[in-house]
Amino acid sequence: MKPMILCVTLIVAGVSACGFLVLRHACLVAPLTPATWPQRPAVGHVKRSIRSRAPINDAAERFATACLLARLRREEARQRPWEGRN
């Protein structure tokens, strides 16, 4: 029984020493002064994004979508995929 108590005591002492050395190393390499970059002030609320997914004008969005689709059709016709180009 005595060797078992000795082994447990040595393991606990070793783990404690290892933890002490890790903590000591962390304290030695830690900066002594806080970082000097400017800190943002505390904000009481979150600002809304200027860009939103909600359409500003439904007619304008439909027009933009139609223009985009027409441009894609022209690009597809220019590349002629049925002839094996691009």
Protein backbone atom coordinates (compact mmCIF):
# COMPACT_ATOMS: atom_id res chain seq x y z
CA MET A 1 0.00 0.00 0.00
CA LYS A 2 2.88 2.33 0.74
CA PRO A 3 4.30 2.33 -2.84
CA MET A 4 0.85 3.23 -4.21
CA ILE A 5 0.56 6.27 -1.94
CA LEU A 6 4.08 7.30 -2.91
CA CYS A 7 3.27 7.04 -6.65
CA VAL A 8 0.07 9.06 -6.27
CA THR A 9 1.91 11.69 -4.24
CA LEU A 10 4.66 11.96 -6.87
CA ILE A 11 2.11 12.26 -9.69
CA VAL A 12 0.18 15.02 -7.88
CA ALA A 13 3.42 16.85 -7.09
CA GLY A 14 4.58 16.56 -10.71
CA VAL A 15 1.31 17.85 -12.13
CA SER A 16 1.33 20.72 -9.63
CA ALA A 17 4.91 21.64 -10.54
CA CYS A 18 4.08 21.51 -14.24
CA GLY A 19 1.07 23.77 -13.72
CA PHE A 20 3.18 26.20 -11.71
CA LEU A 21 5.82 26.36 -14.45
CA VAL A 22 3.22 26.91 -17.17
CA LEU A 23 1.61 29.70 -15.16
CA ARG A 24 5.00 31.28 -14.45
CA HIS A 25 5.91 31.19 -18.14
CA ALA A 26 2.56 32.77 -19.08
CA CYS A 27 3.16 35.57 -16.57
CA LEU A 28 6.68 36.19 -17.87
CA VAL A 29 5.72 36.49 -21.53
CA ALA A 30 2.51 38.48 -20.96
CA PRO A 31 2.74 42.20 -21.81
CA LEU A 32 3.02 44.46 -18.79
CA THR A 33 0.99 47.31 -20.28
CA PRO A 34 -2.28 47.04 -22.19
CA ALA A 35 -2.30 47.41 -25.94
CA THR A 36 -2.08 50.97 -27.25
CA TRP A 37 -4.43 50.74 -30.23
CA PRO A 38 -7.55 52.89 -29.95
CA GLN A 39 -10.48 51.21 -28.32
CA ARG A 40 -13.99 51.67 -29.65
CA PRO A 41 -16.37 53.33 -27.24
CA ALA A 42 -19.13 51.20 -25.82
CA VAL A 43 -22.19 51.38 -28.03
CA GLY A 44 -25.65 51.03 -26.57
CA HIS A 45 -27.27 49.86 -29.79
CA VAL A 46 -26.44 48.26 -33.12
CA LYS A 47 -26.64 50.46 -36.18
CA ARG A 48 -28.67 49.26 -39.12
CA SER A 49 -26.80 48.62 -42.30
CA ILE A 50 -27.23 51.21 -45.03
CA ARG A 51 -27.48 48.47 -47.61
CA SER A 52 -30.59 46.41 -47.16
CA ARG A 53 -32.19 43.63 -49.14
CA ALA A 54 -35.53 45.43 -49.25
CA PRO A 55 -36.22 46.96 -52.68
CA ILE A 56 -36.35 50.75 -52.70
CA ASN A 57 -38.56 50.89 -55.77
CA ASP A 58 -40.25 47.77 -57.13
CA ALA A 59 -40.43 49.12 -60.70
CA ALA A 60 -36.74 50.05 -60.67
CA GLU A 61 -35.81 46.59 -59.43
CA ARG A 62 -37.88 44.91 -62.15
CA PHE A 63 -36.21 47.13 -64.76
CA ALA A 64 -32.74 46.28 -63.43
CA THR A 65 -33.56 42.57 -63.46
CA ALA A 66 -34.83 42.78 -67.05
CA CYS A 67 -31.66 44.61 -68.13
CA LEU A 68 -29.49 41.99 -66.44
CA LEU A 69 -31.36 39.12 -68.10
CA ALA A 70 -31.09 40.82 -71.51
CA ARG A 71 -27.36 41.31 -71.03
CA LEU A 72 -26.94 37.64 -70.07
CA ARG A 73 -28.89 36.55 -73.17
CA ARG A 74 -26.67 38.75 -75.40
CA GLU A 75 -23.54 37.31 -73.78
CA GLU A 76 -24.80 33.75 -74.29
CA ALA A 77 -25.56 34.48 -77.94
CA ARG A 78 -22.11 36.01 -78.41
CA GLN A 79 -20.35 32.97 -77.01
CA ARG A 80 -22.44 30.55 -79.11
CA PRO A 81 -22.40 27.55 -76.77
CA TRP A 82 -24.26 25.41 -79.32
CA GLU A 83 -21.17 25.63 -81.58
CA GLY A 84 -18.87 24.46 -78.80
CA ARG A 85 -17.20 27.80 -78.15
CA ASN A 86 -15.94 28.71 -74.68
